[in-house]
Each structure stands twice: as C-alpha cells, then as structure tokens.
Amino acid sequence: MDKQNISRDEIAEAMKNEFGFNRKLCLDIVNDIIDIIIEGLQTDNKVKIHNFGTFKLNNKKSRIGRNPKTGEEHKISSRNVITFKASKILLKYINNKISDK
C-alpha cells in the first residue's frame, strides 16, 4: 500500500484478500488486536509484540510552552502519550526494503 494512513477496514480488506476469510471475521480480528493493545497499555503501560516492536505509555509532565508566532507563554497540561519503538528485526527489514528501491 502506498498510503501514509490506513483504516481498520482497509487492514481487514487486505486480510480478506490475502487469506480468503469473510470480511466480518477479518474486521473482528483487527478490532480484537487493537483492543488487546489498548488494554495492555491501560493495565501494564507497555505492550511488546515479538519481532515487531513495543508500544509504551508515558506521562509527560506539565510545562510552559510558547506560541511560536506571538511568543506568548502558556501552560501545557500533563498528559499521557504513546510511544512505539520498532524491534531490531523490523528495522532491519525496513532498511533492507528501502535500500532495495
């Protein structure tokens, strides 16, 4: 796929085309995987998918930010962010694919 963004429906459609399952089953699988990742982040703050990478929930503390146009300062509240670190195997695969082009 040559897109930067992909929907759950598009992932399910790709699975349907690849494996021949019905569309509803594929969409259920995609939704279940996403739900498992979300649940893991909520309970353990971290989800590792072997040979793919690790999703991690981090808390950013509140800080003072600045509007780049006006220079006006304002408080940025604390919030949770999700980070992703790709596995070495995934990085190697991606780097080989890029260098092959």
PDB file of N, CA and C in Angstrom:
ATOM      1  N   MET A   1       0.838  -1.184   0.000  1.00  0.00           N
ATOM      2  CA  MET A   1       0.000   0.000   0.000  1.00  0.00           C
ATOM      3  C   MET A   1       0.883   1.248   0.000  1.00  0.00           C
ATOM      4  N   ASP A   2       0.465   2.226  -0.775  1.00  0.00           N
ATOM      5  CA  ASP A   2       1.234   3.451  -0.900  1.00  0.00           C
ATOM      6  C   ASP A   2       0.578   4.594  -0.144  1.00  0.00           C
ATOM      7  N   LYS A   3       0.039   4.309   1.034  1.00  0.00           N
ATOM      8  CA  LYS A   3      -0.646   5.335   1.808  1.00  0.00           C
ATOM      9  C   LYS A   3       0.071   5.567   3.127  1.00  0.00           C
ATOM     10  N   GLN A   4      -0.058   6.779   3.633  1.00  0.00           N
ATOM     11  CA  GLN A   4       0.501   7.076   4.939  1.00  0.00           C
ATOM     12  C   GLN A   4      -0.466   6.670   6.051  1.00  0.00           C
ATOM     13  N   ASN A   5      -1.755   6.762   5.784  1.00  0.00           N
ATOM     14  CA  ASN A   5      -2.771   6.395   6.770  1.00  0.00           C
ATOM     15  C   ASN A   5      -3.563   5.208   6.249  1.00  0.00           C
ATOM     16  N   ILE A   6      -3.948   4.346   7.180  1.00  0.00           N
ATOM     17  CA  ILE A   6      -4.712   3.166   6.788  1.00  0.00           C
ATOM     18  C   ILE A   6      -5.791   2.942   7.845  1.00  0.00           C
ATOM     19  N   SER A   7      -6.967   2.576   7.401  1.00  0.00           N
ATOM     20  CA  SER A   7      -8.080   2.364   8.329  1.00  0.00           C
ATOM     21  C   SER A   7      -8.168   0.893   8.737  1.00  0.00           C
ATOM     22  N   ARG A   8      -8.955   0.663   9.778  1.00  0.00           N
ATOM     23  CA  ARG A   8      -9.195  -0.721  10.212  1.00  0.00           C
ATOM     24  C   ARG A   8      -9.855  -1.514   9.093  1.00  0.00           C
ATOM     25  N   ASP A   9     -10.770  -0.865   8.383  1.00  0.00           N
ATOM     26  CA  ASP A   9     -11.468  -1.533   7.277  1.00  0.00           C
ATOM     27  C   ASP A   9     -10.486  -1.947   6.177  1.00  0.00           C
ATOM     28  N   GLU A  10      -9.507  -1.095   5.907  1.00  0.00           N
ATOM     29  CA  GLU A  10      -8.533  -1.417   4.867  1.00  0.00           C
ATOM     30  C   GLU A  10      -7.633  -2.576   5.290  1.00  0.00           C
ATOM     31  N   ILE A  11      -7.275  -2.637   6.564  1.00  0.00           N
ATOM     32  CA  ILE A  11      -6.490  -3.769   7.068  1.00  0.00           C
ATOM     33  C   ILE A  11      -7.308  -5.052   6.939  1.00  0.00           C
ATOM     34  N   ALA A  12      -8.585  -4.984   7.340  1.00  0.00           N
ATOM     35  CA  ALA A  12      -9.457  -6.153   7.251  1.00  0.00           C
ATOM     36  C   ALA A  12      -9.628  -6.592   5.800  1.00  0.00           C
ATOM     37  N   GLU A  13      -9.756  -5.639   4.897  1.00  0.00           N
ATOM     38  CA  GLU A  13      -9.906  -5.961   3.473  1.00  0.00           C
ATOM     39  C   GLU A  13      -8.652  -6.647   2.939  1.00  0.00           C
ATOM     40  N   ALA A  14      -7.475  -6.166   3.345  1.00  0.00           N
ATOM     41  CA  ALA A  14      -6.213  -6.793   2.930  1.00  0.00           C
ATOM     42  C   ALA A  14      -6.125  -8.218   3.461  1.00  0.00           C
ATOM     43  N   MET A  15      -6.560  -8.440   4.719  1.00  0.00           N
ATOM     44  CA  MET A  15      -6.560  -9.787   5.288  1.00  0.00           C
ATOM     45  C   MET A  15      -7.514 -10.696   4.509  1.00  0.00           C
ATOM     46  N   LYS A  16      -8.682 -10.155   4.183  1.00  0.00           N
ATOM     47  CA  LYS A  16      -9.679 -10.924   3.427  1.00  0.00           C
ATOM     48  C   LYS A  16      -9.093 -11.360   2.083  1.00  0.00           C
ATOM     49  N   ASN A  17      -8.436 -10.431   1.402  1.00  0.00           N
ATOM     50  CA  ASN A  17      -7.855 -10.745   0.095  1.00  0.00           C
ATOM     51  C   ASN A  17      -6.709 -11.738   0.205  1.00  0.00           C
ATOM     52  N   GLU A  18      -5.922 -11.628   1.265  1.00  0.00           N
ATOM     53  CA  GLU A  18      -4.755 -12.495   1.436  1.00  0.00           C
ATOM     54  C   GLU A  18      -5.143 -13.910   1.872  1.00  0.00           C
ATOM     55  N   PHE A  19      -6.094 -14.002   2.821  1.00  0.00           N
ATOM     56  CA  PHE A  19      -6.388 -15.297   3.432  1.00  0.00           C
ATOM     57  C   PHE A  19      -7.737 -15.885   3.036  1.00  0.00           C
ATOM     58  N   GLY A  20      -8.609 -15.083   2.425  1.00  0.00           N
ATOM     59  CA  GLY A  20      -9.893 -15.600   1.971  1.00  0.00           C
ATOM     60  C   GLY A  20     -10.962 -15.721   3.041  1.00  0.00           C
ATOM     61  N   PHE A  21     -10.716 -15.142   4.232  1.00  0.00           N
ATOM     62  CA  PHE A  21     -11.744 -15.155   5.276  1.00  0.00           C
ATOM     63  C   PHE A  21     -12.826 -14.140   4.905  1.00  0.00           C
ATOM     64  N   ASN A  22     -13.998 -14.277   5.568  1.00  0.00           N
ATOM     65  CA  ASN A  22     -15.025 -13.285   5.287  1.00  0.00           C
ATOM     66  C   ASN A  22     -14.665 -11.950   5.942  1.00  0.00           C
ATOM     67  N   ARG A  23     -15.242 -10.877   5.422  1.00  0.00           N
ATOM     68  CA  ARG A  23     -14.879  -9.524   5.833  1.00  0.00           C
ATOM     69  C   ARG A  23     -15.149  -9.281   7.313  1.00  0.00           C
ATOM     70  N   LYS A  24     -16.285  -9.774   7.825  1.00  0.00           N
ATOM     71  CA  LYS A  24     -16.629  -9.540   9.225  1.00  0.00           C
ATOM     72  C   LYS A  24     -15.616 -10.192  10.160  1.00  0.00           C
ATOM     73  N   LEU A  25     -15.190 -11.405   9.855  1.00  0.00           N
ATOM     74  CA  LEU A  25     -14.189 -12.085  10.675  1.00  0.00           C
ATOM     75  C   LEU A  25     -12.884 -11.288  10.683  1.00  0.00           C
ATOM     76  N   CYS A  26     -12.471 -10.821   9.527  1.00  0.00           N
ATOM     77  CA  CYS A  26     -11.229 -10.052   9.440  1.00  0.00           C
ATOM     78  C   CYS A  26     -11.327  -8.757  10.242  1.00  0.00           C
ATOM     79  N   LEU A  27     -12.449  -8.072  10.149  1.00  0.00           N
ATOM     80  CA  LEU A  27     -12.632  -6.829  10.905  1.00  0.00           C
ATOM     81  C   LEU A  27     -12.658  -7.120  12.408  1.00  0.00           C
ATOM     82  N   ASP A  28     -13.281  -8.231  12.814  1.00  0.00           N
ATOM     83  CA  ASP A  28     -13.289  -8.627  14.229  1.00  0.00           C
ATOM     84  C   ASP A  28     -11.870  -8.894  14.730  1.00  0.00           C
ATOM     85  N   ILE A  29     -11.056  -9.547  13.919  1.00  0.00           N
ATOM     86  CA  ILE A  29      -9.667  -9.836  14.300  1.00  0.00           C
ATOM     87  C   ILE A  29      -8.884  -8.540  14.480  1.00  0.00           C
ATOM     88  N   VAL A  30      -9.011  -7.627  13.524  1.00  0.00           N
ATOM     89  CA  VAL A  30      -8.315  -6.336  13.604  1.00  0.00           C
ATOM     90  C   VAL A  30      -8.739  -5.587  14.862  1.00  0.00           C
ATOM     91  N   ASN A  31     -10.035  -5.523  15.114  1.00  0.00           N
ATOM     92  CA  ASN A  31     -10.544  -4.823  16.310  1.00  0.00           C
ATOM     93  C   ASN A  31     -10.070  -5.494  17.592  1.00  0.00           C
ATOM     94  N   ASP A  32     -10.036  -6.815  17.617  1.00  0.00           N
ATOM     95  CA  ASP A  32      -9.554  -7.539  18.796  1.00  0.00           C
ATOM     96  C   ASP A  32      -8.081  -7.238  19.073  1.00  0.00           C
ATOM     97  N   ILE A  33      -7.266  -7.192  18.031  1.00  0.00           N
ATOM     98  CA  ILE A  33      -5.841  -6.891  18.200  1.00  0.00           C
ATOM     99  C   ILE A  33      -5.663  -5.489  18.771  1.00  0.00           C
ATOM    100  N   ILE A  34      -6.392  -4.534  18.219  1.00  0.00           N
ATOM    101  CA  ILE A  34      -6.292  -3.156  18.714  1.00  0.00           C
ATOM    102  C   ILE A  34      -6.778  -3.069  20.153  1.00  0.00           C
ATOM    103  N   ASP A  35      -7.857  -3.759  20.472  1.00  0.00           N
ATOM    104  CA  ASP A  35      -8.374  -3.765  21.855  1.00  0.00           C
ATOM    105  C   ASP A  35      -7.360  -4.369  22.827  1.00  0.00           C
ATOM    106  N   ILE A  36      -6.671  -5.421  22.413  1.00  0.00           N
ATOM    107  CA  ILE A  36      -5.656  -6.049  23.264  1.00  0.00           C
ATOM    108  C   ILE A  36      -4.508  -5.074  23.529  1.00  0.00           C
ATOM    109  N   ILE A  37      -4.094  -4.348  22.500  1.00  0.00           N
ATOM    110  CA  ILE A  37      -3.021  -3.358  22.677  1.00  0.00           C
ATOM    111  C   ILE A  37      -3.463  -2.263  23.632  1.00  0.00           C
ATOM    112  N   ILE A  38      -4.675  -1.746  23.450  1.00  0.00           N
ATOM    113  CA  ILE A  38      -5.190  -0.687  24.329  1.00  0.00           C
ATOM    114  C   ILE A  38      -5.297  -1.187  25.768  1.00  0.00           C
ATOM    115  N   GLU A  39      -5.824  -2.381  25.963  1.00  0.00           N
ATOM    116  CA  GLU A  39      -5.966  -2.954  27.308  1.00  0.00           C
ATOM    117  C   GLU A  39      -4.599  -3.141  27.960  1.00  0.00           C
ATOM    118  N   GLY A  40      -3.631  -3.615  27.192  1.00  0.00           N
ATOM    119  CA  GLY A  40      -2.285  -3.797  27.722  1.00  0.00           C
ATOM    120  C   GLY A  40      -1.658  -2.483  28.146  1.00  0.00           C
ATOM    121  N   LEU A  41      -1.877  -1.430  27.371  1.00  0.00           N
ATOM    122  CA  LEU A  41      -1.351  -0.113  27.738  1.00  0.00           C
ATOM    123  C   LEU A  41      -2.021   0.407  29.002  1.00  0.00           C
ATOM    124  N   GLN A  42      -3.313   0.157  29.144  1.00  0.00           N
ATOM    125  CA  GLN A  42      -4.039   0.622  30.324  1.00  0.00           C
ATOM    126  C   GLN A  42      -3.611  -0.120  31.585  1.00  0.00           C
ATOM    127  N   THR A  43      -3.326  -1.405  31.467  1.00  0.00           N
ATOM    128  CA  THR A  43      -3.003  -2.188  32.662  1.00  0.00           C
ATOM    129  C   THR A  43      -1.511  -2.229  32.971  1.00  0.00           C
ATOM    130  N   ASP A  44      -0.687  -2.355  31.941  1.00  0.00           N
ATOM    131  CA  ASP A  44       0.752  -2.550  32.166  1.00  0.00           C
ATOM    132  C   ASP A  44       1.626  -1.406  31.656  1.00  0.00           C
ATOM    133  N   ASN A  45       1.020  -0.403  30.998  1.00  0.00           N
ATOM    134  CA  ASN A  45       1.735   0.731  30.414  1.00  0.00           C
ATOM    135  C   ASN A  45       2.705   0.323  29.307  1.00  0.00           C
ATOM    136  N   LYS A  46       2.638  -0.943  28.848  1.00  0.00           N
ATOM    137  CA  LYS A  46       3.596  -1.411  27.851  1.00  0.00           C
ATOM    138  C   LYS A  46       3.034  -2.654  27.163  1.00  0.00           C
ATOM    139  N   VAL A  47       3.202  -2.719  25.844  1.00  0.00           N
ATOM    140  CA  VAL A  47       2.805  -3.899  25.082  1.00  0.00           C
ATOM    141  C   VAL A  47       3.924  -4.211  24.097  1.00  0.00           C
ATOM    142  N   LYS A  48       4.489  -5.405  24.231  1.00  0.00           N
ATOM    143  CA  LYS A  48       5.561  -5.820  23.328  1.00  0.00           C
ATOM    144  C   LYS A  48       5.018  -6.880  22.383  1.00  0.00           C
ATOM    145  N   ILE A  49       5.201  -6.634  21.084  1.00  0.00           N
ATOM    146  CA  ILE A  49       4.817  -7.601  20.065  1.00  0.00           C
ATOM    147  C   ILE A  49       6.117  -8.149  19.484  1.00  0.00           C
ATOM    148  N   HIS A  50       6.370  -9.422  19.740  1.00  0.00           N
ATOM    149  CA  HIS A  50       7.629 -10.072  19.362  1.00  0.00           C
ATOM    150  C   HIS A  50       7.932  -9.852  17.878  1.00  0.00           C
ATOM    151  N   ASN A  51       9.154  -9.471  17.586  1.00  0.00           N
ATOM    152  CA  ASN A  51       9.648  -9.221  16.230  1.00  0.00           C
ATOM    153  C   ASN A  51       8.944  -8.058  15.524  1.00  0.00           C
ATOM    154  N   PHE A  52       8.178  -7.254  16.257  1.00  0.00           N
ATOM    155  CA  PHE A  52       7.526  -6.082  15.670  1.00  0.00           C
ATOM    156  C   PHE A  52       7.949  -4.815  16.398  1.00  0.00           C
ATOM    157  N   GLY A  53       7.690  -4.776  17.709  1.00  0.00           N
ATOM    158  CA  GLY A  53       8.097  -3.602  18.473  1.00  0.00           C
ATOM    159  C   GLY A  53       7.329  -3.488  19.777  1.00  0.00           C
ATOM    160  N   THR A  54       7.549  -2.362  20.460  1.00  0.00           N
ATOM    161  CA  THR A  54       6.958  -2.144  21.772  1.00  0.00           C
ATOM    162  C   THR A  54       6.211  -0.814  21.795  1.00  0.00           C
ATOM    163  N   PHE A  55       4.942  -0.876  22.227  1.00  0.00           N
ATOM    164  CA  PHE A  55       4.158   0.316  22.494  1.00  0.00           C
ATOM    165  C   PHE A  55       4.306   0.614  23.976  1.00  0.00           C
ATOM    166  N   LYS A  56       4.524   1.870  24.319  1.00  0.00           N
ATOM    167  CA  LYS A  56       4.724   2.226  25.715  1.00  0.00           C
ATOM    168  C   LYS A  56       3.945   3.490  26.039  1.00  0.00           C
ATOM    169  N   LEU A  57       3.278   3.490  27.201  1.00  0.00           N
ATOM    170  CA  LEU A  57       2.523   4.643  27.668  1.00  0.00           C
ATOM    171  C   LEU A  57       3.418   5.456  28.594  1.00  0.00           C
ATOM    172  N   ASN A  58       3.646   6.713  28.259  1.00  0.00           N
ATOM    173  CA  ASN A  58       4.482   7.595  29.068  1.00  0.00           C
ATOM    174  C   ASN A  58       3.673   8.809  29.491  1.00  0.00           C
ATOM    175  N   ASN A  59       3.971   9.318  30.687  1.00  0.00           N
ATOM    176  CA  ASN A  59       3.316  10.530  31.163  1.00  0.00           C
ATOM    177  C   ASN A  59       4.247  11.708  30.957  1.00  0.00           C
ATOM    178  N   LYS A  60       3.757  12.713  30.252  1.00  0.00           N
ATOM    179  CA  LYS A  60       4.518  13.954  30.089  1.00  0.00           C
ATOM    180  C   LYS A  60       4.047  14.920  31.157  1.00  0.00           C
ATOM    181  N   LYS A  61       4.985  15.497  31.871  1.00  0.00           N
ATOM    182  CA  LYS A  61       4.649  16.456  32.920  1.00  0.00           C
ATOM    183  C   LYS A  61       4.200  17.768  32.296  1.00  0.00           C
ATOM    184  N   SER A  62       3.478  18.553  33.081  1.00  0.00           N
ATOM    185  CA  SER A  62       3.063  19.865  32.599  1.00  0.00           C
ATOM    186  C   SER A  62       4.299  20.750  32.449  1.00  0.00           C
ATOM    187  N   ARG A  63       4.194  21.710  31.530  1.00  0.00           N
ATOM    188  CA  ARG A  63       5.325  22.592  31.282  1.00  0.00           C
ATOM    189  C   ARG A  63       4.822  23.891  30.674  1.00  0.00           C
ATOM    190  N   ILE A  64       5.713  24.845  30.600  1.00  0.00           N
ATOM    191  CA  ILE A  64       5.383  26.113  29.976  1.00  0.00           C
ATOM    192  C   ILE A  64       5.765  26.031  28.506  1.00  0.00           C
ATOM    193  N   GLY A  65       4.823  26.340  27.634  1.00  0.00           N
ATOM    194  CA  GLY A  65       5.070  26.350  26.204  1.00  0.00           C
ATOM    195  C   GLY A  65       5.011  27.764  25.674  1.00  0.00           C
ATOM    196  N   ARG A  66       5.409  27.915  24.437  1.00  0.00           N
ATOM    197  CA  ARG A  66       5.425  29.244  23.839  1.00  0.00           C
ATOM    198  C   ARG A  66       4.812  29.168  22.442  1.00  0.00           C
ATOM    199  N   ASN A  67       3.916  30.104  22.157  1.00  0.00           N
ATOM    200  CA  ASN A  67       3.347  30.215  20.823  1.00  0.00           C
ATOM    201  C   ASN A  67       4.445  30.732  19.894  1.00  0.00           C
ATOM    202  N   PRO A  68       4.815  29.962  18.863  1.00  0.00           N
ATOM    203  CA  PRO A  68       5.932  30.380  18.016  1.00  0.00           C
ATOM    204  C   PRO A  68       5.670  31.671  17.237  1.00  0.00           C
ATOM    205  N   LYS A  69       4.402  31.971  16.955  1.00  0.00           N
ATOM    206  CA  LYS A  69       4.091  33.180  16.199  1.00  0.00           C
ATOM    207  C   LYS A  69       4.133  34.431  17.069  1.00  0.00           C
ATOM    208  N   THR A  70       3.550  34.328  18.271  1.00  0.00           N
ATOM    209  CA  THR A  70       3.429  35.520  19.120  1.00  0.00           C
ATOM    210  C   THR A  70       4.461  35.563  20.236  1.00  0.00           C
ATOM    211  N   GLY A  71       5.046  34.413  20.550  1.00  0.00           N
ATOM    212  CA  GLY A  71       5.990  34.359  21.662  1.00  0.00           C
ATOM    213  C   GLY A  71       5.305  34.298  23.018  1.00  0.00           C
ATOM    214  N   GLU A  72       3.970  34.277  23.008  1.00  0.00           N
ATOM    215  CA  GLU A  72       3.202  34.250  24.257  1.00  0.00           C
ATOM    216  C   GLU A  72       3.352  32.894  24.948  1.00  0.00           C
ATOM    217  N   GLU A  73       3.601  32.923  26.251  1.00  0.00           N
ATOM    218  CA  GLU A  73       3.749  31.688  27.025  1.00  0.00           C
ATOM    219  C   GLU A  73       2.387  31.199  27.502  1.00  0.00           C
ATOM    220  N   HIS A  74       2.240  29.889  27.604  1.00  0.00           N
ATOM    221  CA  HIS A  74       1.041  29.296  28.195  1.00  0.00           C
ATOM    222  C   HIS A  74       1.410  27.935  28.769  1.00  0.00           C
ATOM    223  N   LYS A  75       0.581  27.473  29.698  1.00  0.00           N
ATOM    224  CA  LYS A  75       0.853  26.199  30.360  1.00  0.00           C
ATOM    225  C   LYS A  75       0.314  25.051  29.512  1.00  0.00           C
ATOM    226  N   ILE A  76       1.154  24.053  29.303  1.00  0.00           N
ATOM    227  CA  ILE A  76       0.741  22.820  28.641  1.00  0.00           C
ATOM    228  C   ILE A  76       0.533  21.797  29.745  1.00  0.00           C
ATOM    229  N   SER A  77      -0.687  21.282  29.857  1.00  0.00           N
ATOM    230  CA  SER A  77      -1.018  20.374  30.955  1.00  0.00           C
ATOM    231  C   SER A  77      -0.338  19.013  30.781  1.00  0.00           C
ATOM    232  N   SER A  78      -0.234  18.284  31.878  1.00  0.00           N
ATOM    233  CA  SER A  78       0.347  16.937  31.809  1.00  0.00           C
ATOM    234  C   SER A  78      -0.595  16.034  31.026  1.00  0.00           C
ATOM    235  N   ARG A  79      -0.018  15.033  30.377  1.00  0.00           N
ATOM    236  CA  ARG A  79      -0.832  14.138  29.570  1.00  0.00           C
ATOM    237  C   ARG A  79      -0.077  12.839  29.317  1.00  0.00           C
ATOM    238  N   ASN A  80      -0.825  11.827  28.937  1.00  0.00           N
ATOM    239  CA  ASN A  80      -0.229  10.551  28.559  1.00  0.00           C
ATOM    240  C   ASN A  80       0.023  10.544  27.060  1.00  0.00           C
ATOM    241  N   VAL A  81       1.148   9.970  26.665  1.00  0.00           N
ATOM    242  CA  VAL A  81       1.479   9.806  25.247  1.00  0.00           C
ATOM    243  C   VAL A  81       1.887   8.352  25.023  1.00  0.00           C
ATOM    244  N   ILE A  82       1.669   7.879  23.813  1.00  0.00           N
ATOM    245  CA  ILE A  82       2.069   6.523  23.451  1.00  0.00           C
ATOM    246  C   ILE A  82       3.269   6.623  22.526  1.00  0.00           C
ATOM    247  N   THR A  83       4.315   5.879  22.859  1.00  0.00           N
ATOM    248  CA  THR A  83       5.489   5.817  22.005  1.00  0.00           C
ATOM    249  C   THR A  83       5.602   4.402  21.439  1.00  0.00           C
ATOM    250  N   PHE A  84       6.270   4.301  20.308  1.00  0.00           N
ATOM    251  CA  PHE A  84       6.497   2.997  19.687  1.00  0.00           C
ATOM    252  C   PHE A  84       7.967   2.884  19.347  1.00  0.00           C
ATOM    253  N   LYS A  85       8.564   1.786  19.757  1.00  0.00           N
ATOM    254  CA  LYS A  85       9.950   1.501  19.407  1.00  0.00           C
ATOM    255  C   LYS A  85       9.952   0.208  18.598  1.00  0.00           C
ATOM    256  N   ALA A  86      10.405   0.312  17.370  1.00  0.00           N
ATOM    257  CA  ALA A  86      10.432  -0.852  16.479  1.00  0.00           C
ATOM    258  C   ALA A  86      11.493  -1.842  16.934  1.00  0.00           C
ATOM    259  N   SER A  87      11.224  -3.128  16.719  1.00  0.00           N
ATOM    260  CA  SER A  87      12.204  -4.161  17.044  1.00  0.00           C
ATOM    261  C   SER A  87      13.365  -4.097  16.051  1.00  0.00           C
ATOM    262  N   LYS A  88      14.480  -4.688  16.429  1.00  0.00           N
ATOM    263  CA  LYS A  88      15.643  -4.717  15.542  1.00  0.00           C
ATOM    264  C   LYS A  88      15.322  -5.446  14.240  1.00  0.00           C
ATOM    265  N   ILE A  89      14.514  -6.491  14.327  1.00  0.00           N
ATOM    266  CA  ILE A  89      14.153  -7.266  13.137  1.00  0.00           C
ATOM    267  C   ILE A  89      13.308  -6.416  12.188  1.00  0.00           C
ATOM    268  N   LEU A  90      12.345  -5.662  12.728  1.00  0.00           N
ATOM    269  CA  LEU A  90      11.514  -4.795  11.902  1.00  0.00           C
ATOM    270  C   LEU A  90      12.359  -3.699  11.265  1.00  0.00           C
ATOM    271  N   LEU A  91      13.251  -3.094  12.031  1.00  0.00           N
ATOM    272  CA  LEU A  91      14.119  -2.052  11.496  1.00  0.00           C
ATOM    273  C   LEU A  91      15.015  -2.591  10.376  1.00  0.00           C
ATOM    274  N   LYS A  92      15.552  -3.778  10.587  1.00  0.00           N
ATOM    275  CA  LYS A  92      16.415  -4.392   9.568  1.00  0.00           C
ATOM    276  C   LYS A  92      15.613  -4.648   8.292  1.00  0.00           C
ATOM    277  N   TYR A  93      14.397  -5.161   8.440  1.00  0.00           N
ATOM    278  CA  TYR A  93      13.529  -5.438   7.295  1.00  0.00           C
ATOM    279  C   TYR A  93      13.222  -4.145   6.536  1.00  0.00           C
ATOM    280  N   ILE A  94      12.836  -3.102   7.262  1.00  0.00           N
ATOM    281  CA  ILE A  94      12.501  -1.826   6.632  1.00  0.00           C
ATOM    282  C   ILE A  94      13.717  -1.221   5.939  1.00  0.00           C
ATOM    283  N   ASN A  95      14.865  -1.243   6.597  1.00  0.00           N
ATOM    284  CA  ASN A  95      16.066  -0.679   5.996  1.00  0.00           C
ATOM    285  C   ASN A  95      16.486  -1.438   4.743  1.00  0.00           C
ATOM    286  N   ASN A  96      16.308  -2.746   4.728  1.00  0.00           N
ATOM    287  CA  ASN A  96      16.622  -3.538   3.528  1.00  0.00           C
ATOM    288  C   ASN A  96      15.657  -3.212   2.391  1.00  0.00           C
ATOM    289  N   LYS A  97      14.382  -3.021   2.724  1.00  0.00           N
ATOM    290  CA  LYS A  97      13.379  -2.682   1.699  1.00  0.00           C
ATOM    291  C   LYS A  97      13.664  -1.311   1.100  1.00  0.00           C
ATOM    292  N   ILE A  98      14.056  -0.355   1.938  1.00  0.00           N
ATOM    293  CA  ILE A  98      14.341   0.989   1.451  1.00  0.00           C
ATOM    294  C   ILE A  98      15.585   0.992   0.568  1.00  0.00           C
ATOM    295  N   SER A  99      16.605   0.252   0.975  1.00  0.00           N
ATOM    296  CA  SER A  99      17.850   0.234   0.196  1.00  0.00           C
ATOM    297  C   SER A  99      17.685  -0.538  -1.116  1.00  0.00           C
ATOM    298  N   ASP A 100      16.653  -1.400  -1.198  1.00  0.00           N
ATOM    299  CA  ASP A 100      16.407  -2.163  -2.436  1.00  0.00           C
ATOM    300  C   ASP A 100      15.737  -1.309  -3.520  1.00  0.00           C
ATOM    301  N   LYS A 101      15.160  -0.173  -3.124  1.00  0.00           N
ATOM    302  CA  LYS A 101      14.425   0.665  -4.099  1.00  0.00           C
ATOM    303  C   LYS A 101      15.348   1.417  -4.992  1.00  0.00           C
TER     304      LYS A 101
END
